Amino acid sequence: MNTKEVFELSPQTLALLPYQYGSKSFTRALVVGDELQVACRPIEVVKRGCAYFGSSYEGRKAGTRQLTGITHKAPIAVDPTNEIFLFPTLSPTREECAWIAHDHVAHFSSPIAGETEILFRDGQSVILPISDAVIENQMLRTSFLRTKLAQRISEPSRGYYMMIDPKQRKMNEHSGRQFR
């Protein structure tokens, strides 16, 4: 497996899986038809992906919270244009947290209590040490985020709102200028 210093998330990304090698943290990145090793933690790959697509991780997280009310283990719309939506399997602050690409999950099941096997659309699979209830919940939360975001984008009568400082309004009224 090749180690990459730089890895860019793409619509081909299936999962970002954490692993330790000695004292170092790495990411095992599953992509369609391949597997790569990245020389940083999965959360760092997600943060870089958000930045690459024009936002910060914190901004994407705040967007999820604003659209859905989800505050913990929040799914992230890394790049809604290219439909890159990832969800964490645990709290993103934990070293063991993996990130799964919502769009690529074909099926999941629990062959053993406390473990879940995720089958991806390209035939690859991974077994994670979490319950299938966690995966099901994260899949549903990510679907909810995708739906809310799609509704916002496609609403034909969506409005644009501008906050006007009351002092500025008074100055504009006095000068005869109007906002439309």
Protein backbone atom coordinates (compact mmCIF):
# COMPACT_ATOMS: atom_id res chain seq x y z
CA MET A 1 0.00 0.00 0.00
CA ASN A 2 1.46 3.38 -1.04
CA THR A 3 1.70 6.13 1.56
CA LYS A 4 0.53 9.52 0.38
CA GLU A 5 1.30 12.78 2.11
CA VAL A 6 -1.56 14.51 0.29
CA PHE A 7 -4.92 12.94 -0.45
CA GLU A 8 -7.87 14.81 -1.90
CA LEU A 9 -11.40 13.66 -1.21
CA SER A 10 -13.36 12.97 -4.37
CA PRO A 11 -16.64 11.37 -5.41
CA GLN A 12 -14.58 8.14 -5.63
CA THR A 13 -13.82 8.12 -1.88
CA LEU A 14 -15.60 5.30 0.00
CA ALA A 15 -14.20 5.49 3.54
CA LEU A 16 -11.46 6.94 5.70
CA LEU A 17 -10.36 4.38 8.27
CA PRO A 18 -7.98 5.11 11.14
CA TYR A 19 -5.06 2.94 12.10
CA GLN A 20 -1.93 3.19 14.20
CA TYR A 21 1.52 2.13 13.10
CA GLY A 22 3.84 2.43 16.05
CA SER A 23 3.20 5.84 17.53
CA LYS A 24 1.95 7.35 14.27
CA SER A 25 -1.66 7.79 13.15
CA PHE A 26 -2.58 7.04 9.56
CA THR A 27 -5.65 6.83 7.38
CA ARG A 28 -6.52 3.87 5.23
CA ALA A 29 -8.45 5.52 2.41
CA LEU A 30 -10.75 3.24 0.46
CA VAL A 31 -11.48 4.60 -3.00
CA VAL A 32 -13.36 2.96 -5.84
CA GLY A 33 -11.25 -0.04 -6.85
CA ASP A 34 -8.26 0.84 -4.65
CA GLU A 35 -6.86 1.44 -1.18
CA LEU A 36 -4.33 4.08 -0.14
CA GLN A 37 -2.43 4.95 3.01
CA VAL A 38 -2.45 8.62 4.02
CA ALA A 39 0.05 10.02 6.51
CA CYS A 40 -2.47 11.72 8.82
CA ARG A 41 -5.65 11.02 10.81
CA PRO A 42 -9.04 10.72 9.06
CA ILE A 43 -10.32 13.95 10.65
CA GLU A 44 -7.39 15.80 9.06
CA VAL A 45 -8.33 14.39 5.64
CA VAL A 46 -11.91 15.58 6.18
CA LYS A 47 -10.75 19.04 7.26
CA ARG A 48 -8.45 19.34 4.23
CA GLY A 49 -11.29 18.18 1.98
CA CYS A 50 -13.62 20.86 3.32
CA ALA A 51 -10.92 23.51 2.79
CA TYR A 52 -10.20 22.22 -0.72
CA PHE A 53 -13.87 22.64 -1.62
CA GLY A 54 -14.06 26.18 -0.24
CA SER A 55 -15.12 25.94 3.39
CA SER A 56 -13.76 25.00 6.77
CA TYR A 57 -14.71 21.86 8.66
CA GLU A 58 -16.16 24.07 11.41
CA GLY A 59 -18.20 25.95 8.80
CA ARG A 60 -19.57 22.72 7.32
CA LYS A 61 -20.36 21.45 10.82
CA ALA A 62 -22.18 24.71 11.65
CA GLY A 63 -24.10 24.39 8.36
CA THR A 64 -25.23 20.89 9.32
CA ARG A 65 -26.34 22.17 12.72
CA GLN A 66 -28.26 25.08 11.16
CA LEU A 67 -30.03 22.90 8.56
CA THR A 68 -30.77 19.84 10.70
CA GLY A 69 -30.20 20.61 14.36
CA ILE A 70 -27.65 17.76 14.56
CA THR A 71 -24.85 18.68 16.95
CA HIS A 72 -23.06 15.43 17.82
CA LYS A 73 -21.43 13.04 15.33
CA ALA A 74 -22.68 15.40 12.64
CA PRO A 75 -22.52 14.33 8.99
CA ILE A 76 -20.53 16.72 6.81
CA ALA A 77 -21.37 18.01 3.33
CA VAL A 78 -17.73 18.17 2.22
CA ASP A 79 -18.79 19.11 -1.32
CA PRO A 80 -22.54 19.11 -1.97
CA THR A 81 -22.00 19.93 -5.67
CA ASN A 82 -20.18 16.62 -6.19
CA GLU A 83 -22.34 14.85 -3.60
CA ILE A 84 -19.50 14.15 -1.17
CA PHE A 85 -21.28 13.58 2.14
CA LEU A 86 -19.37 11.82 4.91
CA PHE A 87 -20.52 10.65 8.32
CA PRO A 88 -18.40 9.79 11.36
CA THR A 89 -18.78 6.45 13.11
CA LEU A 90 -17.83 7.88 16.52
CA SER A 91 -17.14 11.33 17.89
CA PRO A 92 -14.70 12.92 15.40
CA THR A 93 -12.42 13.81 18.31
CA ARG A 94 -11.74 10.11 18.99
CA GLU A 95 -8.73 8.46 17.34
CA GLU A 96 -10.87 5.43 16.37
CA CYS A 97 -13.38 7.48 14.37
CA ALA A 98 -13.84 6.39 10.77
CA TRP A 99 -15.61 8.43 8.09
CA ILE A 100 -17.95 6.75 5.60
CA ALA A 101 -19.14 8.16 2.25
CA HIS A 102 -22.92 8.00 2.38
CA ASP A 103 -23.40 7.65 -1.36
CA HIS A 104 -21.29 4.49 -1.64
CA VAL A 105 -22.92 2.35 1.07
CA ALA A 106 -24.77 -0.50 -0.62
CA HIS A 107 -25.61 -2.56 2.46
CA PHE A 108 -24.61 -3.08 6.07
CA SER A 109 -25.18 -5.90 8.52
CA SER A 110 -24.04 -7.12 11.90
CA PRO A 111 -22.47 -10.59 11.61
CA ILE A 112 -21.30 -10.40 15.24
CA ALA A 113 -22.77 -8.32 18.07
CA GLY A 114 -20.90 -5.02 18.33
CA GLU A 115 -19.49 -5.21 14.81
CA THR A 116 -20.90 -4.00 11.51
CA GLU A 117 -19.85 -4.96 8.03
CA ILE A 118 -20.35 -2.25 5.44
CA LEU A 119 -20.53 -3.34 1.81
CA PHE A 120 -19.76 -0.61 -0.69
CA ARG A 121 -21.25 -0.36 -4.17
CA ASP A 122 -17.92 -1.29 -5.80
CA GLY A 123 -17.81 -4.59 -3.87
CA GLN A 124 -15.26 -3.61 -1.22
CA SER A 125 -16.25 -4.07 2.40
CA VAL A 126 -15.03 -3.14 5.84
CA ILE A 127 -15.87 -4.38 9.33
CA LEU A 128 -16.10 -1.72 12.03
CA PRO A 129 -16.27 -2.24 15.81
CA ILE A 130 -19.64 -0.49 16.20
CA SER A 131 -23.26 -1.64 16.14
CA ASP A 132 -25.40 -1.63 13.03
CA ALA A 133 -27.80 0.70 14.91
CA VAL A 134 -25.07 3.37 14.90
CA ILE A 135 -24.54 2.98 11.14
CA GLU A 136 -28.28 3.03 10.49
CA ASN A 137 -28.68 6.20 12.56
CA GLN A 138 -25.76 7.91 10.81
CA MET A 139 -27.13 6.90 7.39
CA LEU A 140 -30.51 8.41 8.29
CA ARG A 141 -28.97 11.61 9.64
CA THR A 142 -26.88 12.01 6.49
CA SER A 143 -29.97 11.42 4.33
CA PHE A 144 -31.76 14.12 6.31
CA LEU A 145 -28.89 16.57 5.72
CA ARG A 146 -28.87 15.78 2.00
CA THR A 147 -32.63 16.27 1.76
CA LYS A 148 -32.62 19.58 3.66
CA LEU A 149 -29.74 20.89 1.55
CA ALA A 150 -31.43 19.80 -1.70
CA GLN A 151 -34.65 21.51 -0.63
CA ARG A 152 -32.79 24.76 0.04
CA ILE A 153 -31.06 24.61 -3.32
CA SER A 154 -34.14 23.75 -5.35
CA GLU A 155 -36.78 26.00 -3.75
CA PRO A 156 -37.90 28.27 -6.60
CA SER A 157 -39.07 31.02 -4.27
CA ARG A 158 -36.15 30.96 -1.90
CA GLY A 159 -35.48 34.41 -0.57
CA TYR A 160 -32.28 36.19 0.13
CA TYR A 161 -32.21 38.15 3.34
CA MET A 162 -30.00 41.03 4.23
CA MET A 163 -29.64 42.23 7.77
CA ILE A 164 -29.62 46.00 7.97
CA ASP A 165 -28.20 47.77 10.97
CA PRO A 166 -30.94 50.05 12.44
CA LYS A 167 -28.48 52.99 12.51
CA GLN A 168 -27.73 52.47 8.80
CA ARG A 169 -31.47 52.31 8.02
CA LYS A 170 -32.02 55.64 9.77
CA MET A 171 -29.11 57.21 7.86
CA ASN A 172 -30.48 55.92 4.55
CA GLU A 173 -34.02 57.13 5.33
CA HIS A 174 -32.61 60.56 6.17
CA SER A 175 -30.63 60.70 2.92
CA GLY A 176 -33.61 59.55 0.85
CA ARG A 177 -32.00 56.27 -0.26
CA GLN A 178 -34.19 53.18 -0.30
CA PHE A 179 -33.50 49.48 -0.18
CA ARG A 180 -35.39 47.22 -2.53
